[in-house]
């Protein structure tokens, strides 16, 4: 039996299955909030335990952090435009902005990997201090989520090219958009709680 479609709703909400899947993903994001809240809590406790190793002001480079922030927050904007174009049934525009989102996310990930490599070359590794252990775990977990998001976006683009814009592909794209915006919100907390706080300590 085919799913009942409500054409008055946005494409991603037109079937009951889509609405249930989106609700389920909101619940999943609730679990992700608990995960990152725990990592932030651990970092907050361990951030001043340097064990004679380098501290935040010795490592953090303001320019690089600002570039990372610009790339990721801009990618959130392009993701929003992609969803807007999807709701206008503009497949070409949606895909174009989704590709921009992917490229900006890739640029962010490149900057973060380069940052980690620079820290290791300076002798700042996870084994150096409790501060660095909690720092690498927190940012590494976020970076892993961005990596998963980039792979997810590539699969979405392939599926959209093969199947076109349907309620199912629209739902998958919308859910990806929720995931991507969530990562941007987490980064705002990282930028504020880790980098800004670390530079003024």
C-alpha atoms as a PDB file:
ATOM      1  CA  UNK A   1       0.000   0.000   0.000  1.00  0.00           C
ATOM      2  CA  UNK A   2       1.420   3.400  -0.948  1.00  0.00           C
ATOM      3  CA  UNK A   3       1.900   6.012   1.739  1.00  0.00           C
ATOM      4  CA  UNK A   4      -0.737   8.737   2.009  1.00  0.00           C
ATOM      5  CA  UNK A   5       0.621  12.026   0.715  1.00  0.00           C
ATOM      6  CA  UNK A   6      -0.395  15.460   2.035  1.00  0.00           C
ATOM      7  CA  UNK A   7       0.561  17.857  -0.751  1.00  0.00           C
ATOM      8  CA  UNK A   8      -0.217  20.897   1.419  1.00  0.00           C
ATOM      9  CA  UNK A   9       2.904  20.231   3.510  1.00  0.00           C
ATOM     10  CA  UNK A  10       6.548  20.778   2.502  1.00  0.00           C
ATOM     11  CA  UNK A  11       7.884  17.881   0.426  1.00  0.00           C
ATOM     12  CA  UNK A  12       9.853  16.312   3.281  1.00  0.00           C
ATOM     13  CA  UNK A  13       6.759  16.240   5.546  1.00  0.00           C
ATOM     14  CA  UNK A  14       4.225  14.960   3.025  1.00  0.00           C
ATOM     15  CA  UNK A  15       4.080  11.351   4.237  1.00  0.00           C
ATOM     16  CA  UNK A  16       3.504   9.943   7.715  1.00  0.00           C
ATOM     17  CA  UNK A  17       6.694   7.858   7.391  1.00  0.00           C
ATOM     18  CA  UNK A  18       8.719  10.983   6.646  1.00  0.00           C
ATOM     19  CA  UNK A  19       7.270  12.792   9.658  1.00  0.00           C
ATOM     20  CA  UNK A  20       8.057   9.852  11.932  1.00  0.00           C
ATOM     21  CA  UNK A  21      11.631   9.613  10.579  1.00  0.00           C
ATOM     22  CA  UNK A  22      12.206  13.310  11.173  1.00  0.00           C
ATOM     23  CA  UNK A  23      10.854  13.026  14.718  1.00  0.00           C
ATOM     24  CA  UNK A  24      13.135  10.033  15.301  1.00  0.00           C
ATOM     25  CA  UNK A  25      16.118  12.062  14.147  1.00  0.00           C
ATOM     26  CA  UNK A  26      15.277  14.856  16.593  1.00  0.00           C
ATOM     27  CA  UNK A  27      15.376  12.218  19.346  1.00  0.00           C
ATOM     28  CA  UNK A  28      18.759  11.045  18.037  1.00  0.00           C
ATOM     29  CA  UNK A  29      20.043  14.624  18.204  1.00  0.00           C
ATOM     30  CA  UNK A  30      18.954  14.675  21.858  1.00  0.00           C
ATOM     31  CA  UNK A  31      21.343  11.767  22.498  1.00  0.00           C
ATOM     32  CA  UNK A  32      24.083  13.629  20.616  1.00  0.00           C
ATOM     33  CA  UNK A  33      23.547  16.648  22.870  1.00  0.00           C
ATOM     34  CA  UNK A  34      24.133  14.412  25.906  1.00  0.00           C
ATOM     35  CA  UNK A  35      27.350  13.078  24.303  1.00  0.00           C
ATOM     36  CA  UNK A  36      28.792  16.520  23.616  1.00  0.00           C
ATOM     37  CA  UNK A  37      27.613  17.910  26.967  1.00  0.00           C
ATOM     38  CA  UNK A  38      29.602  15.131  28.642  1.00  0.00           C
ATOM     39  CA  UNK A  39      32.709  15.942  26.578  1.00  0.00           C
ATOM     40  CA  UNK A  40      32.371  19.649  27.378  1.00  0.00           C
ATOM     41  CA  UNK A  41      32.018  18.790  31.063  1.00  0.00           C
ATOM     42  CA  UNK A  42      35.186  16.679  31.003  1.00  0.00           C
ATOM     43  CA  UNK A  43      37.062  19.432  29.174  1.00  0.00           C
ATOM     44  CA  UNK A  44      35.859  22.011  31.685  1.00  0.00           C
ATOM     45  CA  UNK A  45      37.274  19.957  34.556  1.00  0.00           C
ATOM     46  CA  UNK A  46      40.600  19.132  32.866  1.00  0.00           C
ATOM     47  CA  UNK A  47      41.280  22.306  30.867  1.00  0.00           C
ATOM     48  CA  UNK A  48      43.705  23.761  33.436  1.00  0.00           C
ATOM     49  CA  UNK A  49      45.652  20.556  34.052  1.00  0.00           C
ATOM     50  CA  UNK A  50      48.621  21.137  31.770  1.00  0.00           C
ATOM     51  CA  UNK A  51      51.142  18.920  33.612  1.00  0.00           C
ATOM     52  CA  UNK A  52      53.968  21.250  32.617  1.00  0.00           C
ATOM     53  CA  UNK A  53      53.008  21.014  28.941  1.00  0.00           C
ATOM     54  CA  UNK A  54      51.729  23.770  26.659  1.00  0.00           C
ATOM     55  CA  UNK A  55      48.493  25.526  27.532  1.00  0.00           C
ATOM     56  CA  UNK A  56      45.790  27.084  25.421  1.00  0.00           C
ATOM     57  CA  UNK A  57      47.562  30.406  24.893  1.00  0.00           C
ATOM     58  CA  UNK A  58      50.689  28.536  23.747  1.00  0.00           C
ATOM     59  CA  UNK A  59      48.841  26.589  21.048  1.00  0.00           C
ATOM     60  CA  UNK A  60      45.761  28.370  19.762  1.00  0.00           C
ATOM     61  CA  UNK A  61      46.188  30.559  16.666  1.00  0.00           C
ATOM     62  CA  UNK A  62      43.379  33.119  16.425  1.00  0.00           C
ATOM     63  CA  UNK A  63      43.519  33.473  12.634  1.00  0.00           C
ATOM     64  CA  UNK A  64      43.145  29.728  12.011  1.00  0.00           C
ATOM     65  CA  UNK A  65      40.263  29.423  14.475  1.00  0.00           C
ATOM     66  CA  UNK A  66      38.455  32.343  12.831  1.00  0.00           C
ATOM     67  CA  UNK A  67      38.892  30.762   9.386  1.00  0.00           C
ATOM     68  CA  UNK A  68      37.508  27.445  10.655  1.00  0.00           C
ATOM     69  CA  UNK A  69      34.560  29.254  12.219  1.00  0.00           C
ATOM     70  CA  UNK A  70      33.859  31.217   9.036  1.00  0.00           C
ATOM     71  CA  UNK A  71      33.951  28.064   6.893  1.00  0.00           C
ATOM     72  CA  UNK A  72      31.626  26.046   9.104  1.00  0.00           C
ATOM     73  CA  UNK A  73      29.104  28.809   9.825  1.00  0.00           C
ATOM     74  CA  UNK A  74      28.994  29.742   6.143  1.00  0.00           C
ATOM     75  CA  UNK A  75      28.318  26.086   5.339  1.00  0.00           C
ATOM     76  CA  UNK A  76      25.294  26.269   7.626  1.00  0.00           C
ATOM     77  CA  UNK A  77      24.029  29.222   5.597  1.00  0.00           C
ATOM     78  CA  UNK A  78      24.531  27.399   2.276  1.00  0.00           C
ATOM     79  CA  UNK A  79      22.767  24.339   3.732  1.00  0.00           C
ATOM     80  CA  UNK A  80      19.802  26.529   4.591  1.00  0.00           C
ATOM     81  CA  UNK A  81      19.672  27.852   1.023  1.00  0.00           C
ATOM     82  CA  UNK A  82      19.823  24.266  -0.263  1.00  0.00           C
ATOM     83  CA  UNK A  83      16.729  23.360   1.796  1.00  0.00           C
ATOM     84  CA  UNK A  84      15.021  26.547   0.562  1.00  0.00           C
ATOM     85  CA  UNK A  85      15.695  25.546  -3.052  1.00  0.00           C
ATOM     86  CA  UNK A  86      14.477  22.025  -2.322  1.00  0.00           C
ATOM     87  CA  UNK A  87      11.164  23.405  -1.102  1.00  0.00           C
ATOM     88  CA  UNK A  88      10.911  25.399  -4.321  1.00  0.00           C
ATOM     89  CA  UNK A  89      11.373  22.084  -6.208  1.00  0.00           C
ATOM     90  CA  UNK A  90      14.555  23.492  -7.724  1.00  0.00           C
ATOM     91  CA  UNK A  91      16.714  20.368  -7.882  1.00  0.00           C
ATOM     92  CA  UNK A  92      19.617  22.060  -9.662  1.00  0.00           C
ATOM     93  CA  UNK A  93      19.770  24.910  -7.150  1.00  0.00           C
ATOM     94  CA  UNK A  94      19.448  22.516  -4.229  1.00  0.00           C
ATOM     95  CA  UNK A  95      22.329  20.376  -5.478  1.00  0.00           C
ATOM     96  CA  UNK A  96      24.516  23.393  -6.212  1.00  0.00           C
ATOM     97  CA  UNK A  97      24.162  24.741  -2.664  1.00  0.00           C
ATOM     98  CA  UNK A  98      24.616  21.264  -1.212  1.00  0.00           C
ATOM     99  CA  UNK A  99      27.918  20.980  -3.099  1.00  0.00           C
ATOM    100  CA  UNK A 100      28.968  24.381  -1.697  1.00  0.00           C
ATOM    101  CA  UNK A 101      28.124  23.070   1.783  1.00  0.00           C
ATOM    102  CA  UNK A 102      30.251  19.993   1.128  1.00  0.00           C
ATOM    103  CA  UNK A 103      33.221  22.069  -0.060  1.00  0.00           C
ATOM    104  CA  UNK A 104      33.052  24.416   2.925  1.00  0.00           C
ATOM    105  CA  UNK A 105      32.843  21.433   5.286  1.00  0.00           C
ATOM    106  CA  UNK A 106      35.855  19.902   3.561  1.00  0.00           C
ATOM    107  CA  UNK A 107      37.773  23.156   4.003  1.00  0.00           C
ATOM    108  CA  UNK A 108      36.925  23.200   7.694  1.00  0.00           C
ATOM    109  CA  UNK A 109      38.056  19.593   8.099  1.00  0.00           C
ATOM    110  CA  UNK A 110      41.330  20.326   6.283  1.00  0.00           C
ATOM    111  CA  UNK A 111      42.028  23.243   8.648  1.00  0.00           C
ATOM    112  CA  UNK A 112      41.266  21.126  11.717  1.00  0.00           C
ATOM    113  CA  UNK A 113      43.511  18.252  10.611  1.00  0.00           C
ATOM    114  CA  UNK A 114      46.301  20.739   9.878  1.00  0.00           C
ATOM    115  CA  UNK A 115      45.804  22.252  13.338  1.00  0.00           C
ATOM    116  CA  UNK A 116      46.123  18.834  15.000  1.00  0.00           C
ATOM    117  CA  UNK A 117      49.258  17.997  12.992  1.00  0.00           C
ATOM    118  CA  UNK A 118      50.860  21.300  14.031  1.00  0.00           C
ATOM    119  CA  UNK A 119      50.122  20.589  17.697  1.00  0.00           C
ATOM    120  CA  UNK A 120      51.676  17.115  17.466  1.00  0.00           C
ATOM    121  CA  UNK A 121      54.797  18.560  15.821  1.00  0.00           C
ATOM    122  CA  UNK A 122      55.086  20.950  18.765  1.00  0.00           C
ATOM    123  CA  UNK A 123      54.967  18.006  21.164  1.00  0.00           C
ATOM    124  CA  UNK A 124      51.356  18.565  22.193  1.00  0.00           C
ATOM    125  CA  UNK A 125      49.768  15.100  22.028  1.00  0.00           C
ATOM    126  CA  UNK A 126      46.993  13.332  23.918  1.00  0.00           C
ATOM    127  CA  UNK A 127      49.624  11.849  26.254  1.00  0.00           C
ATOM    128  CA  UNK A 128      51.125  15.236  27.154  1.00  0.00           C
ATOM    129  CA  UNK A 129      48.484  16.374  29.652  1.00  0.00           C
ATOM    130  CA  UNK A 130      44.896  15.934  30.786  1.00  0.00           C
ATOM    131  CA  UNK A 131      44.047  19.229  29.073  1.00  0.00           C
ATOM    132  CA  UNK A 132      45.277  17.974  25.710  1.00  0.00           C
ATOM    133  CA  UNK A 133      43.571  14.593  26.121  1.00  0.00           C
ATOM    134  CA  UNK A 134      40.199  16.243  26.719  1.00  0.00           C
ATOM    135  CA  UNK A 135      40.850  18.804  23.967  1.00  0.00           C
ATOM    136  CA  UNK A 136      41.678  16.196  21.303  1.00  0.00           C
ATOM    137  CA  UNK A 137      38.738  13.985  22.294  1.00  0.00           C
ATOM    138  CA  UNK A 138      36.237  16.868  22.177  1.00  0.00           C
ATOM    139  CA  UNK A 139      37.428  18.352  18.895  1.00  0.00           C
ATOM    140  CA  UNK A 140      38.180  14.944  17.414  1.00  0.00           C
ATOM    141  CA  UNK A 141      34.622  13.798  18.116  1.00  0.00           C
ATOM    142  CA  UNK A 142      33.245  16.904  16.425  1.00  0.00           C
ATOM    143  CA  UNK A 143      35.648  16.429  13.502  1.00  0.00           C
ATOM    144  CA  UNK A 144      34.538  12.808  13.148  1.00  0.00           C
ATOM    145  CA  UNK A 145      30.932  13.976  12.963  1.00  0.00           C
ATOM    146  CA  UNK A 146      31.875  16.480  10.236  1.00  0.00           C
ATOM    147  CA  UNK A 147      33.645  13.689   8.317  1.00  0.00           C
ATOM    148  CA  UNK A 148      30.535  11.514   8.555  1.00  0.00           C
ATOM    149  CA  UNK A 149      28.468  14.484   7.382  1.00  0.00           C
ATOM    150  CA  UNK A 150      30.661  14.986   4.311  1.00  0.00           C
ATOM    151  CA  UNK A 151      30.313  11.316   3.369  1.00  0.00           C
ATOM    152  CA  UNK A 152      26.565  11.552   3.958  1.00  0.00           C
ATOM    153  CA  UNK A 153      26.298  14.623   1.694  1.00  0.00           C
ATOM    154  CA  UNK A 154      28.154  12.826  -1.103  1.00  0.00           C
ATOM    155  CA  UNK A 155      25.737   9.882  -0.893  1.00  0.00           C
ATOM    156  CA  UNK A 156      22.782  12.300  -0.909  1.00  0.00           C
ATOM    157  CA  UNK A 157      24.052  14.001  -4.054  1.00  0.00           C
ATOM    158  CA  UNK A 158      24.499  10.646  -5.799  1.00  0.00           C
ATOM    159  CA  UNK A 159      21.012   9.509  -4.788  1.00  0.00           C
ATOM    160  CA  UNK A 160      19.448  12.804  -5.862  1.00  0.00           C
ATOM    161  CA  UNK A 161      21.077  12.519  -9.285  1.00  0.00           C
ATOM    162  CA  UNK A 162      19.792   8.956  -9.658  1.00  0.00           C
ATOM    163  CA  UNK A 163      16.268   9.295  -8.245  1.00  0.00           C
ATOM    164  CA  UNK A 164      15.449  12.967  -8.507  1.00  0.00           C
ATOM    165  CA  UNK A 165      13.614  15.112  -5.971  1.00  0.00           C
ATOM    166  CA  UNK A 166      10.991  12.947  -4.253  1.00  0.00           C
ATOM    167  CA  UNK A 167       9.429  12.971  -0.757  1.00  0.00           C
ATOM    168  CA  UNK A 168      11.996  10.329   0.259  1.00  0.00           C
ATOM    169  CA  UNK A 169      15.098  12.157  -1.040  1.00  0.00           C
ATOM    170  CA  UNK A 170      13.688  15.445   0.328  1.00  0.00           C
ATOM    171  CA  UNK A 171      13.280  13.863   3.778  1.00  0.00           C
ATOM    172  CA  UNK A 172      16.851  12.540   3.706  1.00  0.00           C
ATOM    173  CA  UNK A 173      18.196  15.941   2.691  1.00  0.00           C
ATOM    174  CA  UNK A 174      16.172  17.722   5.373  1.00  0.00           C
ATOM    175  CA  UNK A 175      17.422  15.319   8.047  1.00  0.00           C
ATOM    176  CA  UNK A 176      20.981  15.877   6.860  1.00  0.00           C
ATOM    177  CA  UNK A 177      20.353  19.619   7.169  1.00  0.00           C
ATOM    178  CA  UNK A 178      19.299  19.168  10.802  1.00  0.00           C
ATOM    179  CA  UNK A 179      22.487  17.184  11.435  1.00  0.00           C
ATOM    180  CA  UNK A 180      24.684  19.802   9.776  1.00  0.00           C
ATOM    181  CA  UNK A 181      23.113  22.711  11.662  1.00  0.00           C
ATOM    182  CA  UNK A 182      23.596  20.751  14.891  1.00  0.00           C
ATOM    183  CA  UNK A 183      27.329  20.451  14.167  1.00  0.00           C
ATOM    184  CA  UNK A 184      27.501  24.200  13.598  1.00  0.00           C
ATOM    185  CA  UNK A 185      25.825  24.858  16.952  1.00  0.00           C
ATOM    186  CA  UNK A 186      28.309  22.519  18.658  1.00  0.00           C
ATOM    187  CA  UNK A 187      31.155  24.420  16.982  1.00  0.00           C
ATOM    188  CA  UNK A 188      29.855  27.731  18.343  1.00  0.00           C
ATOM    189  CA  UNK A 189      30.136  26.229  21.836  1.00  0.00           C
ATOM    190  CA  UNK A 190      33.635  24.905  21.037  1.00  0.00           C
ATOM    191  CA  UNK A 191      34.691  28.298  19.682  1.00  0.00           C
ATOM    192  CA  UNK A 192      33.405  30.059  22.802  1.00  0.00           C
ATOM    193  CA  UNK A 193      34.134  27.550  25.569  1.00  0.00           C
ATOM    194  CA  UNK A 194      37.435  26.151  24.273  1.00  0.00           C
ATOM    195  CA  UNK A 195      39.135  28.759  22.084  1.00  0.00           C
ATOM    196  CA  UNK A 196      37.913  32.143  23.358  1.00  0.00           C
ATOM    197  CA  UNK A 197      37.992  31.059  26.990  1.00  0.00           C
ATOM    198  CA  UNK A 198      41.410  29.474  26.466  1.00  0.00           C
ATOM    199  CA  UNK A 199      42.912  32.600  24.925  1.00  0.00           C
ATOM    200  CA  UNK A 200      41.864  34.830  27.835  1.00  0.00           C
ATOM    201  CA  UNK A 201      42.854  32.403  30.619  1.00  0.00           C
END
